[in-house]
Amino acid sequence: MRAAVRGYRAVELDAEIAGVRAVLEAAGVRCEADDPPPGLPSEVGAVLAWVIREGATNVIKHSEARRCSIVLTVYGRSVVLEMRNDGVRARGTEPAGSGLTGLEERAAVLGGEITAGRHGRDGFLLRAVVPLPAGDGAAAGPADETVPAGGRER
């Protein structure tokens, strides 16, 4: 199964963040994004890059956002990505697509999870939690300790 995710290596996380930031800004959406945590395994970075790409597509196609934020944080032995925007449209105005289902499948290959939904009155939150492989060299700490590695400490 991991071989399927390795095939997505062409999608580099730092390049995807820069590209998404530029696309959203060009569409009139102010975008603040963290740098990726250092030392992420390529398969983890690839899954997170796909989440960011799909998230940006959804911001442009399905929202009226003025702001978007992309936060990447290492928590214990997992990387958490939170992509928020402030432009949720009224419920039921858009047909369901397959993009989030595809993200769930990609994340599941690595033992990760995707959640998405309304957040607050007008916000939307796309969240990915992807575990780091055991013995990986990426920044990590004890499971109960927050390790700010390129993201914001929570």
Protein backbone atom coordinates (compact mmCIF):
# COMPACT_ATOMS: atom_id res chain seq x y z
CA MET A 1 0.00 0.00 0.00
CA ARG A 2 2.78 2.45 0.84
CA ALA A 3 4.06 2.05 -2.72
CA ALA A 4 0.90 3.78 -3.94
CA VAL A 5 1.68 6.81 -1.80
CA ARG A 6 5.33 6.83 -2.88
CA GLY A 7 4.07 7.31 -6.44
CA TYR A 8 2.85 10.76 -5.38
CA ARG A 9 6.38 12.01 -4.63
CA ALA A 10 6.23 14.33 -7.60
CA VAL A 11 4.09 16.54 -5.39
CA GLU A 12 6.54 18.34 -3.09
CA LEU A 13 5.10 19.90 0.05
CA ASP A 14 7.09 23.15 0.05
CA ALA A 15 6.43 23.74 -3.65
CA GLU A 16 2.73 22.98 -3.18
CA ILE A 17 2.48 25.47 -0.31
CA ALA A 18 4.13 28.19 -2.40
CA GLY A 19 1.94 27.42 -5.42
CA VAL A 20 -1.28 27.35 -3.41
CA ARG A 21 -0.38 30.60 -1.68
CA ALA A 22 0.16 32.26 -5.08
CA VAL A 23 -3.04 30.85 -6.60
CA LEU A 24 -5.19 31.87 -3.64
CA GLU A 25 -3.66 35.36 -3.50
CA ALA A 26 -4.31 35.75 -7.26
CA ALA A 27 -7.94 34.77 -6.61
CA GLY A 28 -8.23 37.49 -3.96
CA VAL A 29 -7.87 35.22 -0.93
CA ARG A 30 -5.26 36.31 1.61
CA CYS A 31 -3.27 33.17 2.45
CA GLU A 32 -0.95 32.67 5.41
CA ALA A 33 0.97 29.41 5.42
CA ASP A 34 3.56 27.77 7.62
CA ASP A 35 6.74 26.25 6.27
CA PRO A 36 6.73 22.45 6.42
CA PRO A 37 8.33 20.84 9.46
CA PRO A 38 11.92 19.79 8.67
CA GLY A 39 12.78 16.17 7.99
CA LEU A 40 9.35 14.87 6.98
CA PRO A 41 9.43 11.57 5.11
CA SER A 42 8.59 12.10 1.45
CA GLU A 43 5.43 9.95 1.59
CA VAL A 44 4.07 12.02 4.50
CA GLY A 45 4.94 15.27 2.71
CA ALA A 46 3.26 14.01 -0.47
CA VAL A 47 -0.01 13.23 1.33
CA LEU A 48 0.01 16.64 3.02
CA ALA A 49 0.74 18.32 -0.33
CA TRP A 50 -2.31 16.63 -1.86
CA VAL A 51 -4.43 17.80 1.09
CA ILE A 52 -3.26 21.38 0.54
CA ARG A 53 -3.89 21.16 -3.21
CA GLU A 54 -7.43 19.83 -2.74
CA GLY A 55 -8.08 22.32 0.05
CA ALA A 56 -7.12 25.22 -2.20
CA THR A 57 -9.28 23.86 -5.00
CA ASN A 58 -12.21 23.74 -2.58
CA VAL A 59 -11.55 27.29 -1.34
CA ILE A 60 -11.68 28.59 -4.91
CA LYS A 61 -14.59 26.44 -6.15
CA HIS A 62 -16.81 26.14 -3.10
CA SER A 63 -16.28 29.19 -0.88
CA GLU A 64 -16.43 32.94 -0.78
CA ALA A 65 -13.29 33.13 1.35
CA ARG A 66 -11.31 36.29 1.92
CA ARG A 67 -8.75 34.58 4.15
CA CYS A 68 -7.16 31.16 4.35
CA SER A 69 -4.54 29.77 6.71
CA ILE A 70 -2.42 26.66 6.44
CA VAL A 71 -0.85 25.48 9.71
CA LEU A 72 1.48 22.48 9.98
CA THR A 73 2.45 21.20 13.41
CA VAL A 74 4.19 18.11 14.74
CA TYR A 75 2.33 16.61 17.72
CA GLY A 76 4.18 13.67 19.26
CA ARG A 77 4.55 11.16 16.42
CA SER A 78 2.07 12.78 13.99
CA VAL A 79 1.94 15.78 11.71
CA VAL A 80 -1.25 17.84 11.85
CA LEU A 81 -2.28 20.07 8.98
CA GLU A 82 -5.13 22.54 9.48
CA MET A 83 -6.38 24.54 6.53
CA ARG A 84 -9.05 27.09 7.45
CA ASN A 85 -11.02 29.60 5.42
CA ASP A 86 -13.65 32.17 6.29
CA GLY A 87 -16.02 31.83 3.35
CA VAL A 88 -18.44 28.95 3.83
CA ARG A 89 -21.43 29.16 1.52
CA ALA A 90 -24.93 28.28 2.68
CA ARG A 91 -25.56 24.57 3.15
CA GLY A 92 -26.78 22.63 0.18
CA THR A 93 -25.58 25.04 -2.50
CA GLU A 94 -22.84 22.78 -3.87
CA PRO A 95 -22.94 19.18 -5.09
CA ALA A 96 -20.72 16.71 -3.24
CA GLY A 97 -17.49 15.85 -5.03
CA SER A 98 -14.93 13.09 -4.73
CA GLY A 99 -11.89 15.16 -3.72
CA LEU A 100 -12.19 14.66 0.04
CA THR A 101 -12.84 10.94 -0.43
CA GLY A 102 -9.63 10.70 -2.43
CA LEU A 103 -7.74 12.49 0.33
CA GLU A 104 -9.17 10.13 2.94
CA GLU A 105 -7.94 7.16 0.90
CA ARG A 106 -4.45 8.62 0.47
CA ALA A 107 -4.12 9.47 4.17
CA ALA A 108 -5.45 6.06 5.25
CA VAL A 109 -2.57 4.34 3.43
CA LEU A 110 -0.24 5.89 6.03
CA GLY A 111 -2.66 5.42 8.94
CA GLY A 112 -3.83 9.04 8.73
CA GLU A 113 -7.21 10.70 8.95
CA ILE A 114 -8.95 13.57 7.19
CA THR A 115 -11.78 15.60 8.68
CA ALA A 116 -13.58 18.48 7.03
CA GLY A 117 -16.52 20.65 7.92
CA ARG A 118 -17.93 23.92 9.09
CA HIS A 119 -15.97 25.68 11.80
CA GLY A 120 -17.65 28.52 13.63
CA ARG A 121 -20.22 30.69 11.93
CA ASP A 122 -18.67 31.21 8.51
CA GLY A 123 -15.53 29.09 8.62
CA PHE A 124 -14.44 25.80 7.18
CA LEU A 125 -11.70 23.54 8.55
CA LEU A 126 -9.90 20.83 6.59
CA ARG A 127 -7.71 18.81 8.96
CA ALA A 128 -5.27 15.99 8.25
CA VAL A 129 -3.46 13.96 10.89
CA VAL A 130 -0.71 11.76 9.49
CA PRO A 131 1.47 9.60 11.73
CA LEU A 132 5.22 9.69 11.32
CA PRO A 133 6.84 6.30 10.72
CA ALA A 134 8.52 4.75 13.75
CA GLY A 135 12.21 5.50 13.89
CA ASP A 136 11.96 8.35 11.42
CA GLY A 137 14.42 11.23 11.74
CA ALA A 138 11.76 13.95 11.62
CA ALA A 139 11.36 16.21 14.63
CA ALA A 140 9.22 14.48 17.21
CA GLY A 141 8.78 14.38 20.92
CA PRO A 142 6.98 12.32 23.52
CA ALA A 143 3.35 11.70 22.71
CA ASP A 144 2.17 14.13 25.38
CA GLU A 145 4.55 16.95 24.40
CA THR A 146 3.90 19.48 21.66
CA VAL A 147 6.85 19.96 19.37
CA PRO A 148 6.60 23.14 17.28
CA ALA A 149 8.42 22.20 14.09
CA GLY A 150 7.59 24.73 11.42
CA GLY A 151 4.06 25.13 12.72
CA ARG A 152 2.49 27.05 15.53
CA GLU A 153 2.69 25.68 19.02
CA ARG A 154 -0.69 24.66 20.39
